[in-house]
Amino acid sequence: MDIFDLLTMIGGLCLFLFGMNIMGEALERRAGGGLRTLLGKMTGSKLAGFLTGAGITAIIQSSSATTVMVVGFVNSGLLALNQAVNVIMGANVGTTITSWLLSLSGIDSSAVWVKLLKPSSFTPVLALIGVVYYMFLKDSKKKDTGMILLGFATLMFGMDTMSGAVAGLKSVPGFADLFLLFTNPFLGVLAGLILTAILQSSSASVGILQALAASGSVTYGAAIPIVMGQNIGTCVTALISSVGATRNAKRAAGVHLAFNIIGTAVCLVLYCIVMWVFAPAILNESATMYGIAILHSAFNIFCTVILLPASSLLEKLVVKLIPDSKQKEVVVELDERLLSTPPLALAQSRLLMVDMAYYALDAAKSAIDVVAKDPTRMEKAIREEEDQTDHYEDILSTYLLKLSSLQALGEADSEEVTGFLKLVGDFERIGDHAVNILGSAKEMAEKNLTFTEAGQKEMDTLREAVKESMDIAFGSFLEEDMKAAERLEPLRHVIHNLQNTLRTNHIQRMTKGLCSVEAGFVWADLLTNLGRVTDHCSNIAGCVMDMKKHHLNLHESQRESRNEEYQETLNEYTKKYTV
């Protein structure tokens, strides 16, 4: 092996790592909705959590990334520690998919149908399709599909280049002796641990081991301990990400480490017994790419089988090792660890937006209900809810703006971020108007102002209409229900007509001396604030419709929905809210 072979090997390694990286990022973008669906399964049974971890890792091709996500969710309080344990175990099995894909490079047969499975036979075609998709198609999902194909082709080309370059290592003095050294189980585990800790990816380190196996110098006796060590090395990323996190988040990273250390210790003991007592001949045979893929899968599946039933004991162990702090910890509502996986960062943002919507709408409804009553009993609760919506607006806007600046953000996710930013503003403004309505109610109580009986009935009708608009807006957002959202625009039209009618009627009462000027000012303020609450509800419904139709031209969807059904709904609400 000369210097050129060494450079070729390094170049192949770089292409391999680069291909794995861009393929993983494109897979994340392309699978956005799928990741959020899997996220919903995390809170299920042990099996559901395990399958979720395996599924997410198979999609994004990185158990380290999955574990970092889990640490982020636990840190935000969105995932309990006992649920995180099962997901982490699933991630360890999901990561073995990569080694099976890479093992295709080891196919060696003269049969035509077998040759077709060899990456060198089909990756050029995948690369061509990928280039066409990425360069000539405008749809972001198709571009991501193209990037996945290009990433996979680059990864496999790097693997083949690396494998070809290391073939000459067999003749290098000392190279075979180096791997003979790793037949010592403890040195082998240490080597695998260090390599994976440096690369922060067990998939990448297993791939390198598979490439080195092409030289014929790696025996099964050396490969088995190295594979075990690689599983411990992959914990480094999660441990680093847990620095500065809550106790439970640290425990989630600790579970990952404990699971891999215990699994490795059990397997290492069994391996040493087999090696020293039986000394099977296979340990001296050269490992193949397929053999390493089998080892990697068998090891992770075995560890999961023995430890998944005991996941609660694993949880108790890390709780004992990382006890509760005497000081109360502040739960991070939006964890920046998840920014590396935009679909899950969006899912986390949406969960917090649901809480924000509850606070805003509850504050507005409570304020509307205390008009012409004693507001003192509800004042504190309304102001606290409005303060909470302000807090949510600050952290959500900051988080979503950070998310929008990410290069890895796909077009669909980018549209969703824009929609979320609009929704956050509308929910916050509803909270502001709740305080304004509360102020009007307080003024009426302090000055002992009243409306006429007719005026009170009119105001009650308007209040009920506005509360229904809030129910529709919140329901359409919560359920992503476009049909419900379409009902809000005709209701807004009716409420605006009601405002005009109520304003005219009140002026007539004032000219007849039936209502005081001071009460008239309060009346006008209430009409304005109730109307603006409805406008923001309409914005929310319009945004839901726009996001479902994948365009963000505000109210474009509402204009499109002005059809016969719109007219029927308009007539329905006109009859319902008549004064």
Foldseek 3Di string as FASTA:
>chain_A
DDPVLVVLLVVLLVLQLQLLQLLLLLLLQLCLVVLLVLVVQLPDDLVSLLQSLLVNCLRNLFLLLSLLVLLLCVLQVNHFLLSLLSSSLSVLLNNLVLLVLLLLCQQDDPDPVSVCSRLVNCLVVLLVCLCCQQPPDDALSSNSSSSNSNSSSSNNSSLNSNLVSLLVVLPPPPPLVVLVVLLPLVVLLVQLLVVCLVVLGLSSSLSNVQSNLSNFSHALSNLLSSLLNVQLNNLNSQCVSCVVGALSSNLSSVLSNVLSVVLSVVVSVVVVCCCVPVVDPRRVGRAHSVNSSCSSNVSSVVSCVVCSVVSVVSSVVSCVVRPHDPDDDDRDQQGPSCLSSLSVSLSSLLVLVLVLLVLLLVLQLLLLVLAVHDCPVCLVSLVVSLVVLVVSLVVSVVSLVVSLPDPSHTLLSNLSSVLSNLLSVLSNVSSVLSVLSNVLSVVCVVVVFDAPPVLVVLSVLLSVLLSVLSVLLSVCSVVLPLVSLLLLVLSLVLSVVSLVVSLVVVVVCVVVVNHDPVVNVSSNSVSVSSSSNSVSSNQSSQSSQCSVVVHRPGCPSNVVSPDPVSVVSNVVNNVVRDD
